[in-house]
Amino acid sequence: MGGAVIWEFAGADTVSPLDQAAVLNNQPATAAPSGAAVTTASASEVVISAVNSQSAITGIYSGNLFTNDSTVDGAGWAHLLTSSTGNYTAQWNQSASGTYSSSTASFKAAGTYSTCDLNQDGSVNIYDVQLGTDMALTPTNCTAPYGQCNTPFVQVVLNNAMGGPCIVPVLNGPASVNFGNVTTGGTSTQTATVTGSGNSSTTITQATVSGTGFSVSSPTLPVTLAPNQTASFTVTFNPSISGAASGSVALTSNSLTPLSIPLSGTGVTATSHSVTLTWTPSTSSNIATYTIYRINSSSSTAPPTPYTSLASIQASTCSGTSCTYTDTNVTAGQSYWYYTTAVNTSNSASGPSNIVQAIIPTP
């Protein structure tokens, strides 16, 4: 007869999980067998231990930190989740004194390696330098668990392999900034936010803009960003001529990967817009004027009245079948709602006419 236990743990390292393994064979008779001891190399590990005894295992020895998982045919299985490095030994109770054998293994948690330990073997050495070099030469095959795919990072790994600190500053920003259509002579601004990442601070020393019509304003430089800290740059597009324009904002820093943010926009010629309103005159004989009312609103349904008085025209200017008013004070891309009222010679106004909307095109 035999027995087996399967352990399943989340968060273990996926590249080289095994840290330590130990075996004890043909141990002297005892009522409290101790498992083979392991000394862990990292703080957060899982230690599993099994004992095969001459007598039956009845559970974990009082005061031992391990958790008993199973006892089958006199054998025992236990595990422990550690929070610090140290020497760990499981110990069980046996129904009667007897000889025993034991096996113990410890497994590392994911994310417990230096950023420069590219192959996650627990040390930064020539193998990591070689892997970093391969990554820099063939960035499309950058599959190492950690590392930037560029030559500066290889130098960082090399410095660390020679005993230096593994300092990895990285600067991330938007993929691009697009201003769309901007009227020539006009101005449009957008904010580009950059983030320091890596495992050390990133210092930005200069912001340089290229491309006709583009400019950038920044915080007082140099500025140092701790990991996950952000800084905002204001980018402006002020086209003087019509047509597509492109440029970039290049940020000089100690980041391993240079950051250059592409800029684009299109200058468009300003177009004069107007709205012409036409309505049927009142049939009343004593109408003196017509008042036009307007509201600026992007609502898809007419906003509630009253609106602001825009202008007034004499009834005498209307023809027999129509009255007309042209509103030239409108802005591209805006939406307006209008109505009119008829005002008689006693200065009494009628109710609003039907309400109409005018959407001004861009540009």
Protein backbone atom coordinates (compact mmCIF):
# COMPACT_ATOMS: atom_id res chain seq x y z
CA MET A 1 0.00 0.00 0.00
CA GLY A 2 1.14 3.54 -0.64
CA GLY A 3 -0.19 7.05 -0.49
CA ALA A 4 0.36 10.40 -2.22
CA VAL A 5 -0.51 14.05 -1.49
CA ILE A 6 -0.67 16.83 -4.10
CA TRP A 7 -0.05 20.40 -2.94
CA GLU A 8 -1.22 23.39 -4.99
CA PHE A 9 0.01 26.89 -4.13
CA ALA A 10 -0.52 30.23 -5.95
CA GLY A 11 2.22 32.83 -6.37
CA ALA A 12 5.21 30.48 -6.72
CA ASP A 13 8.09 31.44 -8.97
CA THR A 14 7.54 30.14 -12.50
CA VAL A 15 11.17 29.97 -13.70
CA SER A 16 13.28 28.32 -10.96
CA PRO A 17 10.94 27.77 -8.01
CA LEU A 18 12.96 25.22 -6.01
CA ASP A 19 15.11 26.83 -3.31
CA GLN A 20 16.27 24.04 -0.97
CA ALA A 21 15.82 20.28 -0.63
CA ALA A 22 16.91 17.94 2.15
CA VAL A 23 16.56 14.24 2.96
CA LEU A 24 16.94 12.17 6.16
CA ASN A 25 17.19 8.37 5.86
CA ASN A 26 17.20 5.57 8.46
CA GLN A 27 16.74 7.83 11.49
CA PRO A 28 16.85 6.37 15.03
CA ALA A 29 13.65 5.39 16.79
CA THR A 30 11.72 8.26 18.38
CA ALA A 31 8.13 9.17 19.27
CA ALA A 32 8.62 12.68 17.81
CA PRO A 33 10.31 12.43 14.39
CA SER A 34 11.75 15.67 12.98
CA GLY A 35 11.74 16.33 9.24
CA ALA A 36 14.81 17.15 7.21
CA ALA A 37 15.76 20.79 7.84
CA VAL A 38 16.06 23.47 5.12
CA THR A 39 17.47 27.01 5.35
CA THR A 40 15.49 29.33 3.07
CA ALA A 41 17.18 31.95 0.88
CA SER A 42 14.25 34.40 0.63
CA ALA A 43 11.59 35.68 3.01
CA SER A 44 8.38 34.42 1.43
CA GLU A 45 8.59 30.72 0.66
CA VAL A 46 6.50 27.59 1.04
CA VAL A 47 8.16 24.65 2.79
CA ILE A 48 6.67 21.17 2.41
CA SER A 49 7.79 18.11 4.34
CA ALA A 50 6.90 14.41 4.40
CA VAL A 51 7.82 11.68 6.90
CA ASN A 52 7.61 7.92 6.55
CA SER A 53 7.70 6.28 9.97
CA GLN A 54 7.77 2.79 11.46
CA SER A 55 4.76 3.67 13.60
CA ALA A 56 1.69 5.73 12.69
CA ILE A 57 1.92 9.55 12.51
CA THR A 58 -0.87 11.11 14.62
CA GLY A 59 -0.33 14.83 13.86
CA ILE A 60 2.06 17.79 14.19
CA TYR A 61 4.11 18.00 17.37
CA SER A 62 2.80 20.59 19.87
CA GLY A 63 4.31 24.05 19.23
CA ASN A 64 5.63 23.23 15.75
CA LEU A 65 4.73 25.88 13.14
CA PHE A 66 3.91 23.47 10.32
CA THR A 67 0.35 22.62 9.33
CA ASN A 68 -0.45 18.91 9.08
CA ASP A 69 -2.07 18.22 5.69
CA SER A 70 -2.57 14.47 5.62
CA THR A 71 -1.68 11.14 7.24
CA VAL A 72 -1.85 8.01 5.08
CA ASP A 73 -0.59 4.53 6.01
CA GLY A 74 1.42 5.89 8.92
CA ALA A 75 3.11 8.63 6.84
CA GLY A 76 2.62 12.38 7.36
CA TRP A 77 2.61 15.44 5.07
CA ALA A 78 2.84 19.08 6.29
CA HIS A 79 3.53 22.58 4.96
CA LEU A 80 4.55 26.05 6.21
CA LEU A 81 4.34 29.53 4.59
CA THR A 82 7.35 31.55 5.75
CA SER A 83 7.65 35.32 6.24
CA SER A 84 11.42 35.52 6.80
CA THR A 85 14.56 33.59 5.99
CA GLY A 86 15.60 30.89 8.46
CA ASN A 87 15.98 27.22 9.28
CA TYR A 88 12.72 25.26 9.16
CA THR A 89 12.00 21.76 10.42
CA ALA A 90 8.68 19.94 10.65
CA GLN A 91 8.08 17.67 13.64
CA TRP A 92 5.33 15.10 14.14
CA ASN A 93 3.89 12.87 16.87
CA GLN A 94 4.22 9.12 16.38
CA SER A 95 1.86 6.60 17.97
CA ALA A 96 4.88 4.69 19.31
CA SER A 97 8.63 5.10 19.16
CA GLY A 98 10.04 3.95 15.83
CA THR A 99 12.57 4.68 13.10
CA TYR A 100 11.72 7.06 10.25
CA SER A 101 12.86 8.82 7.06
CA SER A 102 11.94 12.35 5.89
CA SER A 103 12.13 14.67 2.85
CA THR A 104 11.71 18.47 2.80
CA ALA A 105 11.70 21.06 0.00
CA SER A 106 11.23 24.83 -0.07
CA PHE A 107 9.93 26.89 -3.03
CA LYS A 108 10.43 30.58 -3.78
CA ALA A 109 7.62 33.05 -4.32
CA ALA A 110 7.39 35.04 -7.55
CA GLY A 111 8.86 38.54 -7.65
CA THR A 112 11.66 38.00 -5.15
CA TYR A 113 14.52 38.68 -7.56
CA SER A 114 16.70 41.60 -8.46
CA THR A 115 15.57 43.44 -11.58
CA CYS A 116 18.95 42.59 -13.11
CA ASP A 117 18.56 38.86 -12.39
CA LEU A 118 17.21 38.21 -15.87
CA ASN A 119 17.09 34.44 -15.64
CA GLN A 120 15.82 34.50 -12.04
CA ASP A 121 18.42 32.10 -10.69
CA GLY A 122 19.04 34.13 -7.54
CA SER A 123 22.25 35.85 -8.60
CA VAL A 124 23.37 38.43 -11.14
CA ASN A 125 26.29 37.03 -13.10
CA ILE A 126 27.72 36.52 -16.57
CA TYR A 127 24.66 34.53 -17.64
CA ASP A 128 22.47 37.59 -17.06
CA VAL A 129 24.92 39.78 -18.99
CA GLN A 130 24.79 37.34 -21.90
CA LEU A 131 20.98 37.21 -21.80
CA GLY A 132 20.80 41.03 -21.61
CA THR A 133 23.13 41.28 -24.60
CA ASP A 134 20.97 38.91 -26.61
CA MET A 135 17.90 40.95 -25.67
CA ALA A 136 19.54 44.18 -26.86
CA LEU A 137 20.60 42.62 -30.16
CA THR A 138 17.21 41.03 -30.88
CA PRO A 139 14.55 43.11 -29.06
CA THR A 140 11.70 41.22 -30.75
CA ASN A 141 12.77 38.17 -28.72
CA CYS A 142 12.74 39.98 -25.38
CA THR A 143 11.20 37.20 -23.32
CA ALA A 144 13.28 37.38 -20.13
CA PRO A 145 11.22 37.72 -16.93
CA TYR A 146 12.85 41.08 -16.20
CA GLY A 147 14.79 43.70 -18.16
CA GLN A 148 14.75 46.42 -20.78
CA CYS A 149 15.58 45.44 -24.35
CA ASN A 150 18.37 47.93 -24.94
CA THR A 151 22.11 48.41 -24.68
CA PRO A 152 22.03 50.71 -21.60
CA PHE A 153 20.27 47.99 -19.64
CA VAL A 154 23.00 45.51 -20.57
CA GLN A 155 25.48 47.96 -19.01
CA VAL A 156 23.33 48.14 -15.86
CA VAL A 157 23.32 44.34 -15.64
CA LEU A 158 27.07 44.25 -16.21
CA ASN A 159 27.66 46.85 -13.48
CA ASN A 160 25.51 44.81 -11.11
CA ALA A 161 27.30 41.58 -12.01
CA MET A 162 30.56 43.34 -11.10
CA GLY A 163 29.17 44.29 -7.70
CA GLY A 164 27.44 47.60 -8.42
CA PRO A 165 23.87 48.55 -7.52
CA CYS A 166 21.08 47.54 -9.90
CA ILE A 167 19.57 50.99 -10.50
CA VAL A 168 16.93 50.95 -13.21
CA PRO A 169 15.24 54.33 -13.92
CA VAL A 170 12.48 54.22 -16.55
CA LEU A 171 10.25 57.03 -17.88
CA ASN A 172 6.88 56.31 -19.49
CA GLY A 173 4.54 58.73 -21.30
CA PRO A 174 1.65 58.90 -23.78
CA ALA A 175 2.09 57.13 -27.12
CA SER A 176 1.24 60.37 -28.96
CA VAL A 177 -0.61 63.69 -28.72
CA ASN A 178 -3.04 64.59 -31.55
CA PHE A 179 -4.59 68.07 -31.67
CA GLY A 180 -6.93 67.37 -34.60
CA ASN A 181 -8.11 70.44 -36.57
CA VAL A 182 -7.08 73.85 -35.21
CA THR A 183 -7.96 77.13 -36.93
CA THR A 184 -4.91 78.98 -38.24
CA GLY A 185 -4.00 81.73 -35.82
CA GLY A 186 -5.82 79.88 -33.04
CA THR A 187 -4.37 77.90 -30.15
CA SER A 188 -5.06 74.45 -28.73
CA THR A 189 -3.41 72.98 -25.62
CA GLN A 190 -3.15 69.45 -24.24
CA THR A 191 -1.47 67.90 -21.21
CA ALA A 192 1.11 65.13 -21.56
CA THR A 193 1.62 63.24 -18.30
CA VAL A 194 4.79 61.18 -17.79
CA THR A 195 5.43 58.61 -15.06
CA GLY A 196 8.65 57.49 -13.39
CA SER A 197 8.93 53.72 -13.15
CA GLY A 198 11.61 51.10 -12.76
CA ASN A 199 13.15 50.56 -9.33
CA SER A 200 14.76 53.97 -8.83
CA SER A 201 14.06 57.67 -9.33
CA THR A 202 14.09 59.20 -12.81
CA THR A 203 15.41 62.75 -13.27
CA ILE A 204 14.18 64.82 -16.26
CA THR A 205 16.66 67.55 -17.17
CA GLN A 206 15.33 68.97 -20.45
CA ALA A 207 12.18 69.10 -22.61
CA THR A 208 12.79 69.85 -26.30
CA VAL A 209 9.99 70.37 -28.81
CA SER A 210 10.28 70.06 -32.59
CA GLY A 211 7.82 70.75 -35.39
CA THR A 212 6.34 74.00 -36.74
CA GLY A 213 3.58 75.44 -34.56
CA PHE A 214 4.27 73.28 -31.49
CA SER A 215 5.58 74.45 -28.12
CA VAL A 216 5.91 72.97 -24.64
CA SER A 217 5.92 74.35 -21.11
CA SER A 218 7.10 72.21 -18.24
CA PRO A 219 7.62 72.16 -14.50
CA THR A 220 10.84 73.74 -13.32
CA LEU A 221 13.57 71.42 -14.53
CA PRO A 222 15.34 69.32 -13.45
CA VAL A 223 12.54 67.36 -11.81
CA THR A 224 12.99 63.97 -10.14
CA LEU A 225 10.20 61.40 -10.16
CA ALA A 226 10.11 58.53 -7.70
CA PRO A 227 8.70 55.25 -9.05
CA ASN A 228 4.99 55.77 -9.93
CA GLN A 229 5.26 59.57 -9.47
CA THR A 230 4.01 61.74 -12.36
CA ALA A 231 4.77 65.12 -13.94
CA SER A 232 2.65 67.06 -16.43
CA PHE A 233 3.83 69.01 -19.48
CA THR A 234 1.58 71.45 -21.36
CA VAL A 235 1.88 71.08 -25.13
CA THR A 236 0.50 73.85 -27.41
CA PHE A 237 -0.36 73.84 -31.11
CA ASN A 238 -0.61 77.26 -32.78
CA PRO A 239 -0.69 76.75 -36.57
CA SER A 240 0.11 79.76 -38.74
CA ILE A 241 -0.67 78.02 -42.03
CA SER A 242 -3.18 75.41 -43.10
CA GLY A 243 -2.17 71.78 -43.53
CA ALA A 244 -0.98 68.80 -41.52
CA ALA A 245 1.86 69.34 -39.04
CA SER A 246 3.94 66.92 -36.99
CA GLY A 247 6.60 67.16 -34.33
CA SER A 248 7.66 65.69 -31.01
CA VAL A 249 8.53 66.42 -27.41
CA ALA A 250 11.83 64.78 -26.43
CA LEU A 251 12.51 64.44 -22.71
CA THR A 252 16.14 64.18 -21.69
CA SER A 253 16.55 62.08 -18.52
CA ASN A 254 18.57 59.31 -16.93
CA SER A 255 15.95 56.79 -18.07
CA LEU A 256 17.26 53.65 -19.74
CA THR A 257 14.82 54.19 -22.60
CA PRO A 258 14.69 57.68 -24.18
CA LEU A 259 11.18 59.15 -24.26
CA SER A 260 9.99 61.08 -27.32
CA ILE A 261 6.27 61.85 -27.65
CA PRO A 262 5.03 62.29 -31.26
CA LEU A 263 2.84 65.37 -31.91
CA SER A 264 0.38 65.93 -34.74
CA GLY A 265 -2.30 68.40 -35.77
CA THR A 266 -3.83 70.09 -38.78
CA GLY A 267 -4.10 73.83 -39.36
CA VAL A 268 -7.35 74.79 -41.06
CA THR A 269 -8.35 78.13 -42.56
CA ALA A 270 -10.86 80.10 -40.55
CA THR A 271 -14.29 80.11 -42.17
CA SER A 272 -16.92 82.79 -41.69
CA HIS A 273 -20.24 81.30 -40.57
CA SER A 274 -23.72 82.75 -40.21
CA VAL A 275 -27.27 81.57 -39.51
CA THR A 276 -30.18 82.92 -41.56
CA LEU A 277 -33.65 82.70 -40.01
CA THR A 278 -36.80 83.00 -42.12
CA TRP A 279 -40.39 83.06 -40.85
CA THR A 280 -43.88 83.96 -42.06
CA PRO A 281 -45.05 87.43 -40.95
CA SER A 282 -48.01 87.81 -38.58
CA THR A 283 -51.38 88.48 -40.19
CA SER A 284 -52.14 91.14 -37.57
CA SER A 285 -52.14 94.65 -38.97
CA ASN A 286 -50.58 96.38 -35.93
CA ILE A 287 -47.27 94.45 -35.71
CA ALA A 288 -44.39 96.90 -35.33
CA THR A 289 -41.31 94.70 -34.80
CA TYR A 290 -40.08 91.15 -34.45
CA THR A 291 -37.65 90.12 -31.66
CA ILE A 292 -35.21 87.26 -32.20
CA TYR A 293 -34.13 85.19 -29.20
CA ARG A 294 -31.13 82.79 -29.00
CA ILE A 295 -29.47 80.35 -26.60
CA ASN A 296 -26.13 78.54 -27.01
CA SER A 297 -26.76 74.88 -26.17
CA SER A 298 -25.51 71.49 -27.38
CA SER A 299 -28.72 69.80 -26.22
CA SER A 300 -30.39 67.61 -28.84
CA THR A 301 -33.79 68.91 -27.71
CA ALA A 302 -34.88 72.54 -27.37
CA PRO A 303 -33.98 74.02 -23.96
CA PRO A 304 -36.87 75.63 -22.03
CA THR A 305 -37.68 79.27 -22.77
CA PRO A 306 -37.12 82.16 -22.31
CA TYR A 307 -33.87 82.69 -24.22
CA THR A 308 -31.74 85.83 -24.37
CA SER A 309 -32.91 88.60 -26.71
CA LEU A 310 -30.54 88.75 -29.68
CA ALA A 311 -31.94 91.41 -32.05
CA SER A 312 -35.06 93.19 -33.27
CA ILE A 313 -36.16 94.01 -36.83
CA GLN A 314 -38.89 96.30 -38.12
CA ALA A 315 -41.97 94.58 -39.46
CA SER A 316 -41.82 96.93 -42.42
CA THR A 317 -38.64 95.20 -43.62
CA CYS A 318 -40.53 91.94 -44.17
CA SER A 319 -41.98 91.12 -47.55
CA GLY A 320 -45.53 90.01 -47.86
CA THR A 321 -44.66 86.34 -47.38
CA SER A 322 -41.49 86.20 -45.26
CA CYS A 323 -39.25 87.90 -42.73
CA THR A 324 -35.49 87.28 -42.62
CA TYR A 325 -32.73 87.82 -40.07
CA THR A 326 -29.05 86.79 -40.37
CA ASP A 327 -27.01 86.07 -37.24
CA THR A 328 -23.31 86.56 -38.04
CA ASN A 329 -22.06 86.28 -34.45
CA VAL A 330 -21.69 82.50 -34.31
CA THR A 331 -18.74 80.22 -33.52
CA ALA A 332 -17.58 77.14 -35.44
CA GLY A 333 -18.51 73.89 -33.75
CA GLN A 334 -21.23 75.45 -31.56
CA SER A 335 -24.99 74.76 -31.47
CA TYR A 336 -27.70 77.45 -31.13
CA TRP A 337 -31.48 77.43 -30.61
CA TYR A 338 -33.72 80.29 -31.88
CA TYR A 339 -37.29 81.58 -31.74
CA THR A 340 -39.03 84.89 -32.54
CA THR A 341 -41.93 86.92 -31.11
CA ALA A 342 -44.11 89.54 -32.77
CA VAL A 343 -44.43 92.89 -30.95
CA ASN A 344 -47.40 95.19 -31.74
CA THR A 345 -47.64 98.95 -31.65
CA SER A 346 -48.71 98.79 -27.99
CA ASN A 347 -45.43 97.00 -27.22
CA SER A 348 -47.18 93.70 -26.40
CA ALA A 349 -45.31 90.57 -27.48
CA SER A 350 -46.80 87.36 -28.79
CA GLY A 351 -45.77 83.93 -27.57
CA PRO A 352 -42.67 82.25 -28.99
CA SER A 353 -42.68 80.93 -32.52
CA ASN A 354 -41.56 77.37 -33.16
CA ILE A 355 -38.01 76.78 -31.87
CA VAL A 356 -35.27 75.81 -34.35
CA GLN A 357 -31.68 74.64 -33.97
CA ALA A 358 -28.61 75.61 -35.97
CA ILE A 359 -25.34 73.59 -35.65
CA ILE A 360 -22.29 75.47 -36.86
CA PRO A 361 -19.78 73.31 -38.75
CA THR A 362 -16.06 73.06 -37.96
CA PRO A 363 -14.07 74.87 -39.10
